[in-house]
PDB file of N, CA and C in Angstrom:
ATOM      1  N   UNK A   1       1.264 -22.440  -8.455  1.00  0.00           N
ATOM      2  CA  UNK A   1       0.983 -21.241  -7.707  1.00  0.00           C
ATOM      3  C   UNK A   1      -0.532 -21.080  -7.606  1.00  0.00           C
ATOM      4  N   UNK A   2      -1.030 -20.836  -6.394  1.00  0.00           N
ATOM      5  CA  UNK A   2      -2.470 -20.701  -6.207  1.00  0.00           C
ATOM      6  C   UNK A   2      -2.942 -19.323  -6.665  1.00  0.00           C
ATOM      7  N   UNK A   3      -4.259 -19.178  -6.800  1.00  0.00           N
ATOM      8  CA  UNK A   3      -4.812 -17.890  -7.203  1.00  0.00           C
ATOM      9  C   UNK A   3      -4.491 -16.819  -6.164  1.00  0.00           C
ATOM     10  N   UNK A   4      -4.555 -17.182  -4.885  1.00  0.00           N
ATOM     11  CA  UNK A   4      -4.241 -16.228  -3.828  1.00  0.00           C
ATOM     12  C   UNK A   4      -2.784 -15.789  -3.917  1.00  0.00           C
ATOM     13  N   UNK A   5      -1.893 -16.707  -4.180  1.00  0.00           N
ATOM     14  CA  UNK A   5      -0.474 -16.364  -4.313  1.00  0.00           C
ATOM     15  C   UNK A   5      -0.230 -15.452  -5.515  1.00  0.00           C
ATOM     16  N   UNK A   6      -0.952 -15.680  -6.600  1.00  0.00           N
ATOM     17  CA  UNK A   6      -0.809 -14.840  -7.790  1.00  0.00           C
ATOM     18  C   UNK A   6      -1.248 -13.411  -7.483  1.00  0.00           C
ATOM     19  N   UNK A   7      -2.408 -13.266  -6.859  1.00  0.00           N
ATOM     20  CA  UNK A   7      -2.922 -11.934  -6.528  1.00  0.00           C
ATOM     21  C   UNK A   7      -1.996 -11.249  -5.533  1.00  0.00           C
ATOM     22  N   UNK A   8      -1.533 -11.993  -4.538  1.00  0.00           N
ATOM     23  CA  UNK A   8      -0.631 -11.430  -3.530  1.00  0.00           C
ATOM     24  C   UNK A   8       0.675 -10.969  -4.165  1.00  0.00           C
ATOM     25  N   UNK A   9       1.223 -11.744  -5.082  1.00  0.00           N
ATOM     26  CA  UNK A   9       2.491 -11.358  -5.713  1.00  0.00           C
ATOM     27  C   UNK A   9       2.311 -10.120  -6.600  1.00  0.00           C
ATOM     28  N   UNK A  10       1.167 -10.007  -7.281  1.00  0.00           N
ATOM     29  CA  UNK A  10       0.913  -8.817  -8.096  1.00  0.00           C
ATOM     30  C   UNK A  10       0.780  -7.571  -7.218  1.00  0.00           C
ATOM     31  N   UNK A  11       0.106  -7.705  -6.080  1.00  0.00           N
ATOM     32  CA  UNK A  11      -0.024  -6.569  -5.173  1.00  0.00           C
ATOM     33  C   UNK A  11       1.327  -6.181  -4.577  1.00  0.00           C
ATOM     34  N   UNK A  12       2.140  -7.167  -4.232  1.00  0.00           N
ATOM     35  CA  UNK A  12       3.448  -6.877  -3.652  1.00  0.00           C
ATOM     36  C   UNK A  12       4.399  -6.266  -4.675  1.00  0.00           C
ATOM     37  N   UNK A  13       4.318  -6.733  -5.910  1.00  0.00           N
ATOM     38  CA  UNK A  13       5.246  -6.273  -6.939  1.00  0.00           C
ATOM     39  C   UNK A  13       4.804  -4.963  -7.577  1.00  0.00           C
ATOM     40  N   UNK A  14       3.529  -4.866  -7.965  1.00  0.00           N
ATOM     41  CA  UNK A  14       3.042  -3.699  -8.708  1.00  0.00           C
ATOM     42  C   UNK A  14       2.160  -2.781  -7.868  1.00  0.00           C
ATOM     43  N   UNK A  15       1.805  -3.181  -6.658  1.00  0.00           N
ATOM     44  CA  UNK A  15       0.950  -2.436  -5.745  1.00  0.00           C
ATOM     45  C   UNK A  15      -0.464  -2.273  -6.276  1.00  0.00           C
ATOM     46  N   UNK A  16      -0.851  -3.082  -7.254  1.00  0.00           N
ATOM     47  CA  UNK A  16      -2.223  -3.048  -7.754  1.00  0.00           C
ATOM     48  C   UNK A  16      -2.531  -4.352  -8.483  1.00  0.00           C
ATOM     49  N   UNK A  17      -3.812  -4.638  -8.594  1.00  0.00           N
ATOM     50  CA  UNK A  17      -4.281  -5.771  -9.376  1.00  0.00           C
ATOM     51  C   UNK A  17      -5.659  -5.383  -9.916  1.00  0.00           C
ATOM     52  N   UNK A  18      -5.905  -5.725 -11.174  1.00  0.00           N
ATOM     53  CA  UNK A  18      -7.165  -5.325 -11.791  1.00  0.00           C
ATOM     54  C   UNK A  18      -8.053  -6.535 -12.060  1.00  0.00           C
ATOM     55  N   UNK A  19      -9.340  -6.246 -12.140  1.00  0.00           N
ATOM     56  CA  UNK A  19     -10.323  -7.298 -12.395  1.00  0.00           C
ATOM     57  C   UNK A  19     -10.098  -7.926 -13.764  1.00  0.00           C
ATOM     58  N   UNK A  20      -9.891  -7.097 -14.785  1.00  0.00           N
ATOM     59  CA  UNK A  20      -9.709  -7.633 -16.139  1.00  0.00           C
ATOM     60  C   UNK A  20      -8.430  -8.452 -16.250  1.00  0.00           C
ATOM     61  N   UNK A  21      -7.383  -8.015 -15.578  1.00  0.00           N
ATOM     62  CA  UNK A  21      -6.123  -8.762 -15.582  1.00  0.00           C
ATOM     63  C   UNK A  21      -6.332 -10.144 -14.968  1.00  0.00           C
ATOM     64  N   UNK A  22      -7.109 -10.199 -13.896  1.00  0.00           N
ATOM     65  CA  UNK A  22      -7.360 -11.490 -13.244  1.00  0.00           C
ATOM     66  C   UNK A  22      -8.263 -12.379 -14.094  1.00  0.00           C
ATOM     67  N   UNK A  23      -9.212 -11.766 -14.786  1.00  0.00           N
ATOM     68  CA  UNK A  23     -10.064 -12.582 -15.660  1.00  0.00           C
ATOM     69  C   UNK A  23      -9.246 -13.231 -16.772  1.00  0.00           C
ATOM     70  N   UNK A  24      -8.217 -12.533 -17.265  1.00  0.00           N
ATOM     71  CA  UNK A  24      -7.335 -13.122 -18.277  1.00  0.00           C
ATOM     72  C   UNK A  24      -6.575 -14.323 -17.712  1.00  0.00           C
ATOM     73  N   UNK A  25      -6.344 -14.321 -16.399  1.00  0.00           N
ATOM     74  CA  UNK A  25      -5.633 -15.418 -15.740  1.00  0.00           C
ATOM     75  C   UNK A  25      -6.592 -16.470 -15.183  1.00  0.00           C
ATOM     76  N   UNK A  26      -7.875 -16.361 -15.522  1.00  0.00           N
ATOM     77  CA  UNK A  26      -8.929 -17.275 -15.073  1.00  0.00           C
ATOM     78  C   UNK A  26      -9.167 -17.204 -13.568  1.00  0.00           C
ATOM     79  N   UNK A  27      -8.928 -16.029 -12.986  1.00  0.00           N
ATOM     80  CA  UNK A  27      -9.246 -15.785 -11.577  1.00  0.00           C
ATOM     81  C   UNK A  27     -10.558 -15.019 -11.573  1.00  0.00           C
ATOM     82  N   UNK A  28     -11.646 -15.718 -11.231  1.00  0.00           N
ATOM     83  CA  UNK A  28     -12.964 -15.109 -11.330  1.00  0.00           C
ATOM     84  C   UNK A  28     -13.496 -14.608 -10.001  1.00  0.00           C
ATOM     85  N   UNK A  29     -12.886 -15.011  -8.885  1.00  0.00           N
ATOM     86  CA  UNK A  29     -13.378 -14.611  -7.569  1.00  0.00           C
ATOM     87  C   UNK A  29     -12.377 -13.692  -6.874  1.00  0.00           C
ATOM     88  N   UNK A  30     -12.034 -12.610  -7.568  1.00  0.00           N
ATOM     89  CA  UNK A  30     -11.049 -11.675  -7.043  1.00  0.00           C
ATOM     90  C   UNK A  30     -11.527 -11.041  -5.741  1.00  0.00           C
ATOM     91  N   UNK A  31     -12.796 -10.702  -5.648  1.00  0.00           N
ATOM     92  CA  UNK A  31     -13.330 -10.095  -4.425  1.00  0.00           C
ATOM     93  C   UNK A  31     -13.146 -10.990  -3.211  1.00  0.00           C
ATOM     94  N   UNK A  32     -13.347 -12.291  -3.378  1.00  0.00           N
ATOM     95  CA  UNK A  32     -13.160 -13.230  -2.264  1.00  0.00           C
ATOM     96  C   UNK A  32     -11.693 -13.293  -1.856  1.00  0.00           C
ATOM     97  N   UNK A  33     -10.801 -13.261  -2.829  1.00  0.00           N
ATOM     98  CA  UNK A  33      -9.372 -13.281  -2.527  1.00  0.00           C
ATOM     99  C   UNK A  33      -8.940 -11.992  -1.827  1.00  0.00           C
ATOM    100  N   UNK A  34      -9.525 -10.875  -2.240  1.00  0.00           N
ATOM    101  CA  UNK A  34      -9.212  -9.595  -1.613  1.00  0.00           C
ATOM    102  C   UNK A  34      -9.657  -9.607  -0.149  1.00  0.00           C
ATOM    103  N   UNK A  35     -10.822 -10.191   0.137  1.00  0.00           N
ATOM    104  CA  UNK A  35     -11.279 -10.286   1.527  1.00  0.00           C
ATOM    105  C   UNK A  35     -10.321 -11.115   2.372  1.00  0.00           C
ATOM    106  N   UNK A  36      -9.785 -12.178   1.828  1.00  0.00           N
ATOM    107  CA  UNK A  36      -8.802 -12.991   2.545  1.00  0.00           C
ATOM    108  C   UNK A  36      -7.553 -12.173   2.830  1.00  0.00           C
ATOM    109  N   UNK A  37      -7.100 -11.417   1.823  1.00  0.00           N
ATOM    110  CA  UNK A  37      -5.898 -10.597   2.005  1.00  0.00           C
ATOM    111  C   UNK A  37      -6.125  -9.491   3.032  1.00  0.00           C
ATOM    112  N   UNK A  38      -7.319  -8.922   3.054  1.00  0.00           N
ATOM    113  CA  UNK A  38      -7.619  -7.893   4.056  1.00  0.00           C
ATOM    114  C   UNK A  38      -7.563  -8.482   5.461  1.00  0.00           C
ATOM    115  N   UNK A  39      -8.053  -9.713   5.618  1.00  0.00           N
ATOM    116  CA  UNK A  39      -7.981 -10.375   6.923  1.00  0.00           C
ATOM    117  C   UNK A  39      -6.540 -10.682   7.312  1.00  0.00           C
ATOM    118  N   UNK A  40      -5.659 -10.820   6.315  1.00  0.00           N
ATOM    119  CA  UNK A  40      -4.240 -11.065   6.573  1.00  0.00           C
ATOM    120  C   UNK A  40      -3.478  -9.772   6.837  1.00  0.00           C
ATOM    121  N   UNK A  41      -4.150  -8.626   6.748  1.00  0.00           N
ATOM    122  CA  UNK A  41      -3.514  -7.362   7.082  1.00  0.00           C
ATOM    123  C   UNK A  41      -3.203  -6.441   5.921  1.00  0.00           C
ATOM    124  N   UNK A  42      -3.570  -6.808   4.714  1.00  0.00           N
ATOM    125  CA  UNK A  42      -3.348  -5.920   3.575  1.00  0.00           C
ATOM    126  C   UNK A  42      -4.319  -4.750   3.657  1.00  0.00           C
ATOM    127  N   UNK A  43      -3.825  -3.555   3.425  1.00  0.00           N
ATOM    128  CA  UNK A  43      -4.671  -2.364   3.355  1.00  0.00           C
ATOM    129  C   UNK A  43      -4.875  -2.042   1.884  1.00  0.00           C
ATOM    130  N   UNK A  44      -6.106  -2.193   1.417  1.00  0.00           N
ATOM    131  CA  UNK A  44      -6.404  -2.039  -0.004  1.00  0.00           C
ATOM    132  C   UNK A  44      -7.492  -0.999  -0.212  1.00  0.00           C
ATOM    133  N   UNK A  45      -7.356  -0.262  -1.298  1.00  0.00           N
ATOM    134  CA  UNK A  45      -8.418   0.615  -1.762  1.00  0.00           C
ATOM    135  C   UNK A  45      -8.833   0.109  -3.139  1.00  0.00           C
ATOM    136  N   UNK A  46     -10.045   0.446  -3.538  1.00  0.00           N
ATOM    137  CA  UNK A  46     -10.533  -0.069  -4.815  1.00  0.00           C
ATOM    138  C   UNK A  46     -11.437   0.949  -5.478  1.00  0.00           C
ATOM    139  N   UNK A  47     -11.524   0.822  -6.783  1.00  0.00           N
ATOM    140  CA  UNK A  47     -12.421   1.685  -7.528  1.00  0.00           C
ATOM    141  C   UNK A  47     -12.239   1.518  -9.025  1.00  0.00           C
ATOM    142  N   UNK A  48     -13.186   2.091  -9.752  1.00  0.00           N
ATOM    143  CA  UNK A  48     -13.108   2.046 -11.204  1.00  0.00           C
ATOM    144  C   UNK A  48     -12.095   3.070 -11.698  1.00  0.00           C
ATOM    145  N   UNK A  49     -11.316   2.661 -12.692  1.00  0.00           N
ATOM    146  CA  UNK A  49     -10.342   3.551 -13.326  1.00  0.00           C
ATOM    147  C   UNK A  49     -10.415   3.347 -14.828  1.00  0.00           C
ATOM    148  N   UNK A  50     -10.092   4.403 -15.546  1.00  0.00           N
ATOM    149  CA  UNK A  50     -10.028   4.300 -17.002  1.00  0.00           C
ATOM    150  C   UNK A  50      -8.622   3.861 -17.381  1.00  0.00           C
ATOM    151  N   UNK A  51      -8.532   2.804 -18.163  1.00  0.00           N
ATOM    152  CA  UNK A  51      -7.250   2.287 -18.623  1.00  0.00           C
ATOM    153  C   UNK A  51      -7.212   2.370 -20.143  1.00  0.00           C
ATOM    154  N   UNK A  52      -6.117   1.927 -20.714  1.00  0.00           N
ATOM    155  CA  UNK A  52      -5.998   1.945 -22.179  1.00  0.00           C
ATOM    156  C   UNK A  52      -6.981   0.990 -22.847  1.00  0.00           C
ATOM    157  N   UNK A  53      -7.523   0.028 -22.070  1.00  0.00           N
ATOM    158  CA  UNK A  53      -8.475  -0.930 -22.626  1.00  0.00           C
ATOM    159  C   UNK A  53      -9.903  -0.626 -22.195  1.00  0.00           C
ATOM    160  N   UNK A  54     -10.120   0.519 -21.592  1.00  0.00           N
ATOM    161  CA  UNK A  54     -11.450   0.886 -21.139  1.00  0.00           C
ATOM    162  C   UNK A  54     -11.520   0.950 -19.625  1.00  0.00           C
ATOM    163  N   UNK A  55     -12.724   0.884 -19.094  1.00  0.00           N
ATOM    164  CA  UNK A  55     -12.956   0.992 -17.667  1.00  0.00           C
ATOM    165  C   UNK A  55     -12.635  -0.347 -16.990  1.00  0.00           C
ATOM    166  N   UNK A  56     -11.962  -0.276 -15.831  1.00  0.00           N
ATOM    167  CA  UNK A  56     -11.557  -1.487 -15.126  1.00  0.00           C
ATOM    168  C   UNK A  56     -11.648  -1.228 -13.629  1.00  0.00           C
ATOM    169  N   UNK A  57     -11.942  -2.257 -12.848  1.00  0.00           N
ATOM    170  CA  UNK A  57     -11.982  -2.161 -11.397  1.00  0.00           C
ATOM    171  C   UNK A  57     -10.619  -2.585 -10.872  1.00  0.00           C
ATOM    172  N   UNK A  58      -9.967  -1.694 -10.129  1.00  0.00           N
ATOM    173  CA  UNK A  58      -8.585  -1.932  -9.710  1.00  0.00           C
ATOM    174  C   UNK A  58      -8.488  -1.845  -8.198  1.00  0.00           C
ATOM    175  N   UNK A  59      -7.834  -2.842  -7.614  1.00  0.00           N
ATOM    176  CA  UNK A  59      -7.499  -2.835  -6.193  1.00  0.00           C
ATOM    177  C   UNK A  59      -6.068  -2.356  -6.070  1.00  0.00           C
ATOM    178  N   UNK A  60      -5.850  -1.388  -5.179  1.00  0.00           N
ATOM    179  CA  UNK A  60      -4.505  -0.844  -4.959  1.00  0.00           C
ATOM    180  C   UNK A  60      -4.080  -1.099  -3.522  1.00  0.00           C
ATOM    181  N   UNK A  61      -2.840  -1.520  -3.383  1.00  0.00           N
ATOM    182  CA  UNK A  61      -2.265  -1.735  -2.063  1.00  0.00           C
ATOM    183  C   UNK A  61      -1.762  -0.399  -1.534  1.00  0.00           C
ATOM    184  N   UNK A  62      -2.133  -0.071  -0.311  1.00  0.00           N
ATOM    185  CA  UNK A  62      -1.660   1.161   0.298  1.00  0.00           C
ATOM    186  C   UNK A  62      -0.229   0.942   0.756  1.00  0.00           C
ATOM    187  N   UNK A  63       0.654   1.772   0.252  1.00  0.00           N
ATOM    188  CA  UNK A  63       2.070   1.658   0.574  1.00  0.00           C
ATOM    189  C   UNK A  63       2.448   2.858   1.421  1.00  0.00           C
ATOM    190  N   UNK A  64       3.035   2.578   2.550  1.00  0.00           N
ATOM    191  CA  UNK A  64       3.459   3.643   3.446  1.00  0.00           C
ATOM    192  C   UNK A  64       4.966   3.735   3.404  1.00  0.00           C
ATOM    193  N   UNK A  65       5.452   4.916   3.121  1.00  0.00           N
ATOM    194  CA  UNK A  65       6.891   5.171   3.147  1.00  0.00           C
ATOM    195  C   UNK A  65       7.200   5.915   4.429  1.00  0.00           C
ATOM    196  N   UNK A  66       7.721   5.204   5.423  1.00  0.00           N
ATOM    197  CA  UNK A  66       8.002   5.895   6.677  1.00  0.00           C
ATOM    198  C   UNK A  66       9.103   6.930   6.493  1.00  0.00           C
ATOM    199  N   UNK A  67       9.054   7.938   7.317  1.00  0.00           N
ATOM    200  CA  UNK A  67      10.076   8.970   7.258  1.00  0.00           C
ATOM    201  C   UNK A  67      11.401   8.406   7.752  1.00  0.00           C
ATOM    202  N   UNK A  68      12.498   8.965   7.298  1.00  0.00           N
ATOM    203  CA  UNK A  68      13.780   8.475   7.770  1.00  0.00           C
ATOM    204  C   UNK A  68      13.895   8.640   9.285  1.00  0.00           C
ATOM    205  N   UNK A  69      14.673   7.809   9.950  1.00  0.00           N
ATOM    206  CA  UNK A  69      14.719   7.849  11.404  1.00  0.00           C
ATOM    207  C   UNK A  69      15.232   9.166  11.968  1.00  0.00           C
ATOM    208  N   UNK A  70      15.990   9.930  11.201  1.00  0.00           N
ATOM    209  CA  UNK A  70      16.538  11.176  11.710  1.00  0.00           C
ATOM    210  C   UNK A  70      15.482  12.279  11.783  1.00  0.00           C
ATOM    211  N   UNK A  71      14.369  12.110  11.116  1.00  0.00           N
ATOM    212  CA  UNK A  71      13.336  13.145  11.091  1.00  0.00           C
ATOM    213  C   UNK A  71      12.440  13.015  12.308  1.00  0.00           C
ATOM    214  N   UNK A  72      12.259  14.107  13.016  1.00  0.00           N
ATOM    215  CA  UNK A  72      11.364  14.151  14.155  1.00  0.00           C
ATOM    216  C   UNK A  72      10.377  15.291  13.917  1.00  0.00           C
ATOM    217  N   UNK A  73       9.096  14.985  13.713  1.00  0.00           N
ATOM    218  CA  UNK A  73       8.145  16.052  13.422  1.00  0.00           C
ATOM    219  C   UNK A  73       7.924  17.003  14.603  1.00  0.00           C
ATOM    220  N   UNK A  74       8.267  16.585  15.810  1.00  0.00           N
ATOM    221  CA  UNK A  74       8.124  17.418  17.003  1.00  0.00           C
ATOM    222  C   UNK A  74       9.456  17.459  17.744  1.00  0.00           C
ATOM    223  N   UNK A  75      10.429  18.197  17.223  1.00  0.00           N
ATOM    224  CA  UNK A  75      11.742  18.203  17.869  1.00  0.00           C
ATOM    225  C   UNK A  75      11.701  18.951  19.198  1.00  0.00           C
ATOM    226  N   UNK A  76      12.581  18.537  20.078  1.00  0.00           N
ATOM    227  CA  UNK A  76      12.696  19.227  21.359  1.00  0.00           C
ATOM    228  C   UNK A  76      13.480  20.513  21.132  1.00  0.00           C
ATOM    229  N   UNK A  77      13.142  21.558  21.873  1.00  0.00           N
ATOM    230  CA  UNK A  77      13.875  22.810  21.673  1.00  0.00           C
ATOM    231  C   UNK A  77      15.332  22.664  22.117  1.00  0.00           C
ATOM    232  N   UNK A  78      16.169  23.391  21.415  1.00  0.00           N
ATOM    233  CA  UNK A  78      17.598  23.376  21.759  1.00  0.00           C
ATOM    234  C   UNK A  78      17.783  24.029  23.129  1.00  0.00           C
ATOM    235  N   UNK A  79      18.653  23.469  23.965  1.00  0.00           N
ATOM    236  CA  UNK A  79      18.883  24.096  25.273  1.00  0.00           C
ATOM    237  C   UNK A  79      19.590  25.436  25.101  1.00  0.00           C
ATOM    238  N   UNK A  80      19.291  26.353  25.995  1.00  0.00           N
ATOM    239  CA  UNK A  80      19.905  27.672  25.964  1.00  0.00           C
ATOM    240  C   UNK A  80      21.173  27.625  26.820  1.00  0.00           C
ATOM    241  N   UNK A  81      22.303  27.500  26.142  1.00  0.00           N
ATOM    242  CA  UNK A  81      23.568  27.371  26.859  1.00  0.00           C
ATOM    243  C   UNK A  81      24.031  28.694  27.468  1.00  0.00           C
ATOM    244  N   UNK A  82      23.467  29.812  27.047  1.00  0.00           N
ATOM    245  CA  UNK A  82      23.853  31.113  27.590  1.00  0.00           C
ATOM    246  C   UNK A  82      23.503  31.206  29.074  1.00  0.00           C
ATOM    247  N   UNK A  83      22.370  30.603  29.458  1.00  0.00           N
ATOM    248  CA  UNK A  83      21.959  30.639  30.853  1.00  0.00           C
ATOM    249  C   UNK A  83      22.899  29.826  31.743  1.00  0.00           C
ATOM    250  N   UNK A  84      23.507  28.795  31.183  1.00  0.00           N
ATOM    251  CA  UNK A  84      24.365  27.919  31.961  1.00  0.00           C
ATOM    252  C   UNK A  84      25.775  28.494  32.159  1.00  0.00           C
ATOM    253  N   UNK A  85      26.158  29.444  31.341  1.00  0.00           N
ATOM    254  CA  UNK A  85      27.495  30.012  31.446  1.00  0.00           C
ATOM    255  C   UNK A  85      27.549  31.046  32.561  1.00  0.00           C
ATOM    256  N   UNK A  86      28.346  30.785  33.533  1.00  0.00           N
ATOM    257  CA  UNK A  86      28.570  31.755  34.609  1.00  0.00           C
ATOM    258  C   UNK A  86      30.055  31.906  34.801  1.00  0.00           C
ATOM    259  N   UNK A  87      30.502  33.121  34.854  1.00  0.00           N
ATOM    260  CA  UNK A  87      31.942  33.380  35.024  1.00  0.00           C
ATOM    261  C   UNK A  87      32.214  33.994  36.345  1.00  0.00           C
TER     262      UNK A  87
END
């Protein structure tokens, strides 16, 4: 498994990958791999976070949960059937 595949699988599975975690796996050019993934369409945010082992730089994959198909944020108004009734 290549370094890019390892980083990609961690982002897909856990939605994040950290610099220290990659250093433990002997991945030293995480920034270069992240740039490749961004060109492939990954939307990532990054920043320092405090973890149980101290401060770490973490890349997070932006995950979008689309609304269910039945939800319409701009519903059409219900027709007024009273106007259509003529006796």
